[in-house]
């Protein structure tokens, strides 16, 4: 059976290019992309798909302009609209302080997705084949990727499709030769300073001596791992809301809940939460995940990690994830000169009133004797070494010890305020009052009440 027929069957089986799709084909001019564009062009009418092409000149080789001319002529001959762009990838890599391979990959992806959007194409078709899949598996294995990465490239990944994944490079070579098609050779593919090229030209041939079918078996292993990953992905999507939720600009995970789960699931939930915060997991390695798992299992109750594009902290029985560490809180000091309302923060106000007699107190409302307590008073941030005499106690206590008892996070401690008179702490605002200045029954009082505005 011809490759064209097998390709058509593969498309129908995978469903990666549905009938009626508008497809943007990435065409470098190499063997793979020439084969892909030609196969899709031959099947465009029976499959009822509309084709366009895109080519990005990376300006990395003297021959790149010739590649662009070749692709222009190829598309003109097929009657396929071509979007052509030229960028200085080397300069962009220097500006980004990134390596050439990563920059080229990221810029190329952005170019293709942007072009597809501008041209109204639903899908972007790439020319990766089975040999690329086996190389990718080995490359990621050598770099210590997790199972998710080892599963390799998928035939369909969002709007990106790889219809040639089931076929080997030799099959594509036989096809283009039988069709008498020309293509461009990228001499950089022979440059063995690149790890992927060493895998292609050294490692895979060596492995083939042990197992002639190694490429086929690696591709089959990737397919099996992708099936497993689909199961895990669905499970994580269902389970994550049970253990994590957004609280303002931070994502909060229930530590005890996670520790009760199998470690394999816990690790995946942690990574999913990290992706929720960062937007993706690019730059996050298995070592980073291991650091978070150590923090979750063994870390002290106030430890934190700075990761690429994220900040993760254990705060007693929760794990906090943010895009960046919380800003340092500036010292707060507010003078209270009379009864009235005073702003403590964006959503907290302190109301001070004079009342005829004391009422029942709570964490947010306290009364002090109006006869012995006079203005001015101050509300300020806590200071190292601060002590006070908690209600019901004879001796004094360090605020630090109170915060430990209340299991306050480091951020909550930074935001804690105290009401003071002549440097004597009367009230840890919203938490605990002092025994000082307690009013007698029926005595006039100064009432202090913290009011919190809850944004809808």
Protein backbone atom coordinates (compact mmCIF):
# COMPACT_ATOMS: atom_id res chain seq x y z
CA UNK A 1 0.00 0.00 0.00
CA UNK A 2 1.34 3.45 -0.93
CA UNK A 3 2.39 5.90 1.75
CA UNK A 4 -0.34 8.26 0.55
CA UNK A 5 -3.03 5.66 1.27
CA UNK A 6 -1.53 4.76 4.64
CA UNK A 7 -1.24 8.45 5.50
CA UNK A 8 -4.91 8.98 4.65
CA UNK A 9 -5.93 6.02 6.82
CA UNK A 10 -3.77 7.32 9.66
CA UNK A 11 -5.43 10.75 9.47
CA UNK A 12 -8.90 9.21 9.59
CA UNK A 13 -7.92 6.95 12.49
CA UNK A 14 -6.33 9.68 14.62
CA UNK A 15 -8.84 12.37 13.69
CA UNK A 16 -6.07 14.95 14.05
CA UNK A 17 -7.21 16.87 10.94
CA UNK A 18 -11.03 16.82 10.77
CA UNK A 19 -12.85 17.47 7.52
CA UNK A 20 -13.32 21.18 6.90
CA UNK A 21 -10.18 22.23 8.80
CA UNK A 22 -8.00 25.16 7.80
CA UNK A 23 -4.43 23.92 8.28
CA UNK A 24 -1.20 25.93 8.43
CA UNK A 25 1.73 23.68 7.47
CA UNK A 26 5.16 24.57 8.85
CA UNK A 27 7.55 24.21 5.90
CA UNK A 28 11.29 24.49 6.45
CA UNK A 29 12.11 23.05 3.03
CA UNK A 30 13.59 19.87 4.51
CA UNK A 31 12.56 16.33 3.64
CA UNK A 32 9.95 16.00 6.39
CA UNK A 33 8.07 19.24 5.73
CA UNK A 34 8.15 18.78 1.94
CA UNK A 35 6.65 15.30 2.38
CA UNK A 36 3.99 16.61 4.78
CA UNK A 37 2.93 19.53 2.58
CA UNK A 38 2.80 17.35 -0.54
CA UNK A 39 0.82 14.55 1.14
CA UNK A 40 -1.70 16.99 2.58
CA UNK A 41 -1.98 18.79 -0.78
CA UNK A 42 -2.70 15.48 -2.54
CA UNK A 43 -5.43 14.70 0.00
CA UNK A 44 -6.83 18.21 0.43
CA UNK A 45 -9.81 17.64 -1.86
CA UNK A 46 -10.92 14.20 -0.58
CA UNK A 47 -10.33 15.30 3.04
CA UNK A 48 -11.98 18.69 2.43
CA UNK A 49 -9.21 20.67 4.12
CA UNK A 50 -7.80 24.09 3.24
CA UNK A 51 -4.02 24.44 3.31
CA UNK A 52 -1.64 27.33 3.90
CA UNK A 53 2.09 27.27 4.62
CA UNK A 54 4.49 29.24 6.82
CA UNK A 55 8.28 29.52 6.74
CA UNK A 56 10.53 31.27 9.25
CA UNK A 57 14.04 32.22 8.11
CA UNK A 58 16.18 32.00 11.26
CA UNK A 59 19.13 33.88 9.68
CA UNK A 60 21.48 31.33 11.24
CA UNK A 61 23.04 29.93 8.05
CA UNK A 62 24.27 31.49 4.79
CA UNK A 63 21.92 29.12 2.93
CA UNK A 64 18.80 30.24 4.81
CA UNK A 65 17.79 32.70 2.07
CA UNK A 66 18.05 29.88 -0.47
CA UNK A 67 15.80 27.77 1.77
CA UNK A 68 13.24 30.58 1.80
CA UNK A 69 13.36 30.87 -2.01
CA UNK A 70 12.93 27.11 -2.36
CA UNK A 71 9.87 27.08 -0.09
CA UNK A 72 8.42 30.08 -1.95
CA UNK A 73 8.74 28.24 -5.28
CA UNK A 74 7.38 25.00 -3.81
CA UNK A 75 4.25 26.68 -2.45
CA UNK A 76 3.74 28.68 -5.65
CA UNK A 77 3.87 25.47 -7.66
CA UNK A 78 1.24 23.88 -5.43
CA UNK A 79 -0.92 26.99 -5.31
CA UNK A 80 -0.59 27.20 -1.51
CA UNK A 81 -0.50 30.60 0.21
CA UNK A 82 2.81 31.13 2.04
CA UNK A 83 3.56 33.41 4.99
CA UNK A 84 7.29 34.13 5.07
CA UNK A 85 9.19 35.92 7.83
CA UNK A 86 12.88 36.52 8.58
CA UNK A 87 14.23 37.02 12.11
CA UNK A 88 17.69 37.24 13.65
CA UNK A 89 17.46 34.31 16.07
CA UNK A 90 21.08 34.63 17.23
CA UNK A 91 20.52 38.24 18.31
CA UNK A 92 17.24 37.31 20.00
CA UNK A 93 19.03 34.55 21.92
CA UNK A 94 21.63 37.05 23.13
CA UNK A 95 18.93 39.48 24.25
CA UNK A 96 17.04 36.74 26.08
CA UNK A 97 20.25 35.27 27.52
CA UNK A 98 19.03 31.88 26.31
CA UNK A 99 20.66 29.17 24.22
CA UNK A 100 20.17 29.09 20.47
CA UNK A 101 18.10 25.88 20.33
CA UNK A 102 15.58 27.02 22.94
CA UNK A 103 15.22 30.48 21.42
CA UNK A 104 14.73 29.08 17.91
CA UNK A 105 12.09 26.63 19.15
CA UNK A 106 10.16 29.22 21.15
CA UNK A 107 10.28 31.91 18.45
CA UNK A 108 9.27 29.43 15.75
CA UNK A 109 6.32 28.23 17.82
CA UNK A 110 5.17 31.80 18.50
CA UNK A 111 5.50 32.67 14.80
CA UNK A 112 3.42 29.67 13.71
CA UNK A 113 0.67 30.21 16.28
CA UNK A 114 0.46 33.92 15.50
CA UNK A 115 0.38 33.26 11.75
CA UNK A 116 -2.35 30.65 12.19
CA UNK A 117 -4.43 33.14 14.15
CA UNK A 118 -3.94 35.94 11.62
CA UNK A 119 -4.71 33.66 8.67
CA UNK A 120 -7.71 32.03 10.33
CA UNK A 121 -6.23 28.52 10.46
CA UNK A 122 -7.53 26.09 13.08
CA UNK A 123 -4.49 23.81 13.12
CA UNK A 124 -0.71 24.02 12.76
CA UNK A 125 0.81 20.89 11.18
CA UNK A 126 4.43 19.97 11.98
CA UNK A 127 6.58 17.42 10.17
CA UNK A 128 7.88 15.36 13.11
CA UNK A 129 8.11 11.65 12.33
CA UNK A 130 8.79 8.40 14.19
CA UNK A 131 12.58 8.87 14.17
CA UNK A 132 12.14 12.29 15.78
CA UNK A 133 9.98 10.67 18.45
CA UNK A 134 12.63 8.09 19.35
CA UNK A 135 15.32 10.80 19.43
CA UNK A 136 13.13 12.98 21.66
CA UNK A 137 12.59 10.09 24.09
CA UNK A 138 16.34 9.47 24.41
CA UNK A 139 17.14 13.18 24.67
CA UNK A 140 14.67 13.66 27.50
CA UNK A 141 15.81 10.46 29.19
CA UNK A 142 19.38 11.74 29.23
CA UNK A 143 18.21 15.07 30.63
CA UNK A 144 16.33 13.41 33.49
CA UNK A 145 12.78 14.17 32.36
CA UNK A 146 9.77 12.88 34.26
CA UNK A 147 7.37 10.33 32.80
CA UNK A 148 5.25 13.13 31.34
CA UNK A 149 8.21 14.31 29.28
CA UNK A 150 9.32 10.80 28.33
CA UNK A 151 5.89 10.19 26.77
CA UNK A 152 7.16 12.33 23.93
CA UNK A 153 5.31 14.30 21.29
CA UNK A 154 1.59 13.74 20.79
CA UNK A 155 -0.13 13.53 17.43
CA UNK A 156 -2.51 16.23 18.69
CA UNK A 157 -1.53 18.83 21.27
CA UNK A 158 -4.08 21.62 21.29
CA UNK A 159 -3.99 23.30 17.89
CA UNK A 160 -0.67 21.65 16.96
CA UNK A 161 -0.82 18.36 15.03
CA UNK A 162 1.93 15.98 13.94
CA UNK A 163 0.39 13.73 11.27
CA UNK A 164 3.70 12.05 10.32
CA UNK A 165 4.49 10.58 13.75
CA UNK A 166 3.49 7.02 12.73
CA UNK A 167 5.97 7.03 9.81
CA UNK A 168 9.75 6.67 9.73
CA UNK A 169 12.17 8.97 7.96
CA UNK A 170 13.03 6.16 5.56
CA UNK A 171 9.37 5.87 4.54
CA UNK A 172 9.24 9.60 3.89
CA UNK A 173 12.48 9.45 1.91
CA UNK A 174 11.12 6.63 -0.26
CA UNK A 175 7.94 8.64 -0.83
CA UNK A 176 9.58 11.92 -1.92
CA UNK A 177 11.96 10.03 -4.19
CA UNK A 178 9.07 8.14 -5.78
CA UNK A 179 7.32 11.49 -6.35
CA UNK A 180 10.54 12.98 -7.75
CA UNK A 181 10.41 15.81 -5.21
CA UNK A 182 13.30 18.09 -4.30
CA UNK A 183 14.10 19.20 -0.76
CA UNK A 184 16.73 21.19 1.10
CA UNK A 185 19.42 19.64 3.28
CA UNK A 186 20.18 21.47 6.52
CA UNK A 187 23.89 20.90 7.09
CA UNK A 188 23.48 21.89 10.74
CA UNK A 189 21.81 18.50 11.23
CA UNK A 190 25.31 17.03 10.85
CA UNK A 191 26.80 19.32 13.51
CA UNK A 192 27.49 16.99 16.42
CA UNK A 193 27.99 19.81 18.88
CA UNK A 194 24.18 19.55 19.23
CA UNK A 195 23.04 16.79 21.59
CA UNK A 196 20.15 15.71 19.36
CA UNK A 197 22.52 15.23 16.42
CA UNK A 198 24.84 13.06 18.52
CA UNK A 199 21.83 10.96 19.54
CA UNK A 200 20.84 10.62 15.86
CA UNK A 201 24.26 9.82 14.48
CA UNK A 202 25.94 8.02 17.41
CA UNK A 203 23.57 6.75 20.11
CA UNK A 204 20.71 5.40 18.00
CA UNK A 205 23.00 3.51 15.58
CA UNK A 206 24.77 1.98 18.60
CA UNK A 207 21.44 0.92 20.15
CA UNK A 208 20.35 -0.53 16.80
CA UNK A 209 23.25 -2.98 17.03
CA UNK A 210 21.64 -4.38 20.20
CA UNK A 211 18.09 -4.21 18.85
CA UNK A 212 17.41 -3.51 15.15
CA UNK A 213 13.82 -2.53 16.01
CA UNK A 214 14.77 -0.03 18.73
CA UNK A 215 13.16 2.95 16.96
CA UNK A 216 9.84 1.15 16.52
CA UNK A 217 9.87 -0.06 20.11
CA UNK A 218 10.67 3.40 21.50
CA UNK A 219 7.78 4.88 19.51
CA UNK A 220 5.48 2.14 20.84
CA UNK A 221 6.66 2.85 24.39
CA UNK A 222 5.86 6.54 23.92
CA UNK A 223 2.35 5.68 22.74
CA UNK A 224 1.80 3.47 25.79
CA UNK A 225 3.10 6.17 28.13
CA UNK A 226 0.82 8.73 26.49
CA UNK A 227 -2.18 6.53 27.26
CA UNK A 228 -1.06 6.36 30.90
CA UNK A 229 -0.53 10.13 30.95
CA UNK A 230 -4.04 10.71 29.64
CA UNK A 231 -5.40 8.68 32.56
CA UNK A 232 -3.30 10.62 35.06
CA UNK A 233 -4.20 13.96 33.52
CA UNK A 234 -7.92 13.26 33.81
CA UNK A 235 -7.52 12.06 37.40
CA UNK A 236 -5.49 15.12 38.44
CA UNK A 237 -8.05 17.47 36.85
CA UNK A 238 -10.77 15.87 38.99
CA UNK A 239 -8.76 15.71 42.23
CA UNK A 240 -6.94 19.06 42.30
CA UNK A 241 -10.01 21.16 43.30
CA UNK A 242 -10.43 18.89 46.35
CA UNK A 243 -7.00 19.83 47.73
CA UNK A 244 -6.28 23.29 46.36
CA UNK A 245 -7.93 26.62 45.71
CA UNK A 246 -7.10 30.22 44.89
CA UNK A 247 -6.96 32.68 47.78
CA UNK A 248 -6.34 36.10 46.35
CA UNK A 249 -3.15 35.94 44.31
CA UNK A 250 -1.88 32.70 45.85
CA UNK A 251 -2.83 29.07 45.36
CA UNK A 252 -3.29 27.15 48.63
CA UNK A 253 -2.82 23.38 48.92
CA UNK A 254 -4.01 21.29 51.88
CA UNK A 255 -0.82 19.66 53.17
CA UNK A 256 -2.46 16.96 55.31
CA UNK A 257 -4.77 16.01 52.47
CA UNK A 258 -1.87 15.64 50.04
CA UNK A 259 0.21 13.59 52.48
CA UNK A 260 -2.64 11.08 52.82
CA UNK A 261 -2.53 10.34 49.07
CA UNK A 262 -0.21 7.98 47.16
CA UNK A 263 3.06 9.80 46.48
CA UNK A 264 2.64 9.39 42.71
CA UNK A 265 -0.64 11.31 42.80
CA UNK A 266 0.66 13.91 45.27
CA UNK A 267 3.57 14.80 43.00
CA UNK A 268 1.30 15.24 40.01
CA UNK A 269 -1.12 17.40 41.99
CA UNK A 270 1.76 19.62 43.13
CA UNK A 271 2.95 20.04 39.54
CA UNK A 272 -0.59 20.77 38.37
CA UNK A 273 -0.91 23.47 41.05
CA UNK A 274 2.43 24.90 39.94
CA UNK A 275 1.20 24.99 36.33
CA UNK A 276 -1.95 26.72 37.55
CA UNK A 277 0.18 29.47 39.10
CA UNK A 278 2.85 29.82 36.39
CA UNK A 279 0.71 29.12 33.33
CA UNK A 280 2.98 26.25 32.26
CA UNK A 281 5.83 24.08 33.54
CA UNK A 282 8.59 25.19 31.19
CA UNK A 283 11.82 25.45 33.16
CA UNK A 284 10.50 23.25 35.99
CA UNK A 285 12.62 20.11 36.33
CA UNK A 286 12.25 16.86 38.25
CA UNK A 287 14.71 18.31 40.79
CA UNK A 288 12.38 21.26 41.42
CA UNK A 289 9.47 18.88 42.00
CA UNK A 290 11.61 16.85 44.40
CA UNK A 291 12.42 20.03 46.35
CA UNK A 292 8.71 20.81 46.71
CA UNK A 293 7.99 17.25 47.85
CA UNK A 294 10.75 17.55 50.47
CA UNK A 295 9.23 20.84 51.64
CA UNK A 296 5.81 19.19 51.82
CA UNK A 297 7.05 16.17 53.79
CA UNK A 298 9.93 17.40 55.92
CA UNK A 299 10.20 21.17 55.69
CA UNK A 300 9.79 23.41 58.71
CA UNK A 301 6.48 25.22 59.09
CA UNK A 302 7.89 28.50 57.74
CA UNK A 303 10.24 27.36 54.97
CA UNK A 304 10.05 28.59 51.38
CA UNK A 305 11.51 27.86 47.94
CA UNK A 306 12.27 30.21 45.07
CA UNK A 307 11.69 28.40 41.77
CA UNK A 308 11.82 29.64 38.17
CA UNK A 309 8.69 31.78 37.85
CA UNK A 310 7.22 30.70 41.19
CA UNK A 311 7.52 30.91 44.97
CA UNK A 312 6.44 27.95 47.12
CA UNK A 313 6.21 28.02 50.91
CA UNK A 314 5.05 25.71 53.65
CA UNK A 315 2.99 27.52 56.23
CA UNK A 316 2.12 24.93 58.89
CA UNK A 317 -0.56 22.71 57.32
CA UNK A 318 -0.84 24.44 53.96
CA UNK A 319 1.43 24.88 50.96
CA UNK A 320 1.33 28.33 49.34
CA UNK A 321 2.19 28.87 45.68
CA UNK A 322 2.64 32.30 44.10
CA UNK A 323 4.26 33.70 40.98
CA UNK A 324 6.71 35.61 43.19
CA UNK A 325 7.54 35.99 46.86
CA UNK A 326 5.31 38.37 48.83
CA UNK A 327 6.62 41.91 49.02
CA UNK A 328 8.24 42.98 52.28
CA UNK A 329 5.72 44.86 54.41
CA UNK A 330 6.69 48.44 55.27
CA UNK A 331 6.52 49.32 58.99
CA UNK A 332 3.12 50.73 59.97
CA UNK A 333 2.50 53.47 62.53
CA UNK A 334 -0.74 55.38 63.01
CA UNK A 335 -1.46 57.91 65.78
CA UNK A 336 -4.95 57.81 67.30
CA UNK A 337 -5.76 61.32 68.53
CA UNK A 338 -9.49 60.95 69.17
CA UNK A 339 -12.50 58.75 68.57
CA UNK A 340 -13.11 58.03 64.88
CA UNK A 341 -12.24 55.65 62.06
CA UNK A 342 -8.64 54.88 61.10
CA UNK A 343 -7.44 53.00 58.02
CA UNK A 344 -5.21 50.02 58.83
CA UNK A 345 -4.96 48.55 55.32
CA UNK A 346 -6.84 48.44 52.04
CA UNK A 347 -9.65 46.38 53.54
CA UNK A 348 -9.33 46.93 57.31
CA UNK A 349 -10.54 49.88 59.38
CA UNK A 350 -10.18 50.52 63.12
CA UNK A 351 -13.25 52.17 64.66
CA UNK A 352 -12.71 53.96 68.01
CA UNK A 353 -15.81 55.02 69.99
CA UNK A 354 -16.63 56.12 73.54
CA UNK A 355 -19.37 54.01 75.14
CA UNK A 356 -21.25 54.17 78.44
CA UNK A 357 -20.45 50.64 79.59
CA UNK A 358 -18.43 47.59 78.48
CA UNK A 359 -19.94 44.79 76.41
CA UNK A 360 -18.78 41.28 75.68
CA UNK A 361 -15.45 41.22 73.90
CA UNK A 362 -14.13 39.22 70.94
CA UNK A 363 -10.98 39.07 68.85
CA UNK A 364 -12.18 42.03 66.80
CA UNK A 365 -13.78 44.15 69.57
CA UNK A 366 -12.14 45.21 72.87
CA UNK A 367 -13.02 47.73 75.60
CA UNK A 368 -10.59 49.71 77.76
CA UNK A 369 -11.29 52.00 80.72
CA UNK A 370 -12.01 55.52 79.46
CA UNK A 371 -11.07 56.92 82.88
CA UNK A 372 -7.49 55.69 82.92
CA UNK A 373 -6.76 55.51 79.17
CA UNK A 374 -6.36 58.74 77.24
CA UNK A 375 -5.28 59.87 73.78
CA UNK A 376 -2.96 59.89 71.98
CA UNK A 377 -2.54 56.16 71.31
CA UNK A 378 -0.68 54.41 68.52
CA UNK A 379 -1.24 51.41 66.28
CA UNK A 380 2.06 50.12 64.95
CA UNK A 381 3.79 47.10 63.48
CA UNK A 382 5.30 44.57 65.86
CA UNK A 383 8.95 44.90 66.78
CA UNK A 384 11.53 42.28 67.76
CA UNK A 385 11.40 41.66 71.50
CA UNK A 386 7.84 43.00 71.96
CA UNK A 387 6.15 41.62 75.09
CA UNK A 388 2.71 42.07 76.66
CA UNK A 389 0.59 40.69 79.50
CA UNK A 390 -2.16 38.59 77.90
CA UNK A 391 -5.62 38.68 79.45
CA UNK A 392 -5.83 36.22 82.35
CA UNK A 393 -2.05 35.97 82.85
CA UNK A 394 0.09 37.44 85.62
CA UNK A 395 3.36 37.51 83.73
CA UNK A 396 4.32 38.80 80.31
CA UNK A 397 4.72 36.91 77.07
CA UNK A 398 6.75 37.50 73.93
CA UNK A 399 4.66 38.28 70.86
CA UNK A 400 6.82 35.77 68.98
CA UNK A 401 5.62 33.03 71.35
CA UNK A 402 2.00 34.11 70.88
CA UNK A 403 2.40 33.93 67.11
CA UNK A 404 3.81 30.41 67.39
CA UNK A 405 0.87 29.39 69.61
CA UNK A 406 -1.57 30.81 67.05
CA UNK A 407 0.37 29.21 64.16
CA UNK A 408 0.60 32.46 62.26
CA UNK A 409 2.45 32.37 58.97
CA UNK A 410 5.46 34.58 58.41
CA UNK A 411 3.34 36.85 56.21
CA UNK A 412 0.62 37.12 58.87
CA UNK A 413 3.25 38.02 61.47
CA UNK A 414 4.60 40.78 59.23
CA UNK A 415 1.09 42.22 58.95
CA UNK A 416 0.27 41.95 62.67
CA UNK A 417 -0.39 45.26 64.48
CA UNK A 418 -0.47 46.28 68.14
CA UNK A 419 -2.32 49.04 70.00
CA UNK A 420 0.08 50.81 72.38
CA UNK A 421 0.04 53.55 75.01
CA UNK A 422 3.45 54.89 76.01
CA UNK A 423 5.09 51.74 74.55
CA UNK A 424 2.82 49.45 76.60
CA UNK A 425 0.99 46.95 74.38
CA UNK A 426 -2.74 46.94 75.11
CA UNK A 427 -3.99 44.79 72.26
CA UNK A 428 -2.57 42.55 69.55
CA UNK A 429 -5.08 43.81 67.03
CA UNK A 430 -7.65 41.21 66.07
CA UNK A 431 -6.01 38.50 68.19
CA UNK A 432 -5.50 38.97 71.94
CA UNK A 433 -6.00 41.83 74.45
CA UNK A 434 -3.80 42.73 77.36
CA UNK A 435 -4.86 42.52 80.99
CA UNK A 436 -3.99 46.23 81.28
CA UNK A 437 -6.68 48.93 81.39
CA UNK A 438 -9.52 46.45 81.79
CA UNK A 439 -12.77 48.37 82.60
CA UNK A 440 -14.97 47.79 85.63
CA UNK A 441 -18.69 46.97 85.22
CA UNK A 442 -20.71 50.11 84.39
CA UNK A 443 -17.57 52.15 83.68
CA UNK A 444 -17.30 54.30 80.54
CA UNK A 445 -15.07 52.67 77.95
CA UNK A 446 -13.10 53.34 74.81
CA UNK A 447 -14.18 50.67 72.33
CA UNK A 448 -11.87 49.52 69.56
CA UNK A 449 -13.34 47.48 66.72
CA UNK A 450 -11.62 46.11 63.63
CA UNK A 451 -13.89 46.09 60.60
CA UNK A 452 -12.90 44.07 57.54
CA UNK A 453 -14.34 44.76 54.11
CA UNK A 454 -14.92 41.61 52.08
CA UNK A 455 -14.76 42.29 48.35
CA UNK A 456 -17.52 40.59 46.42
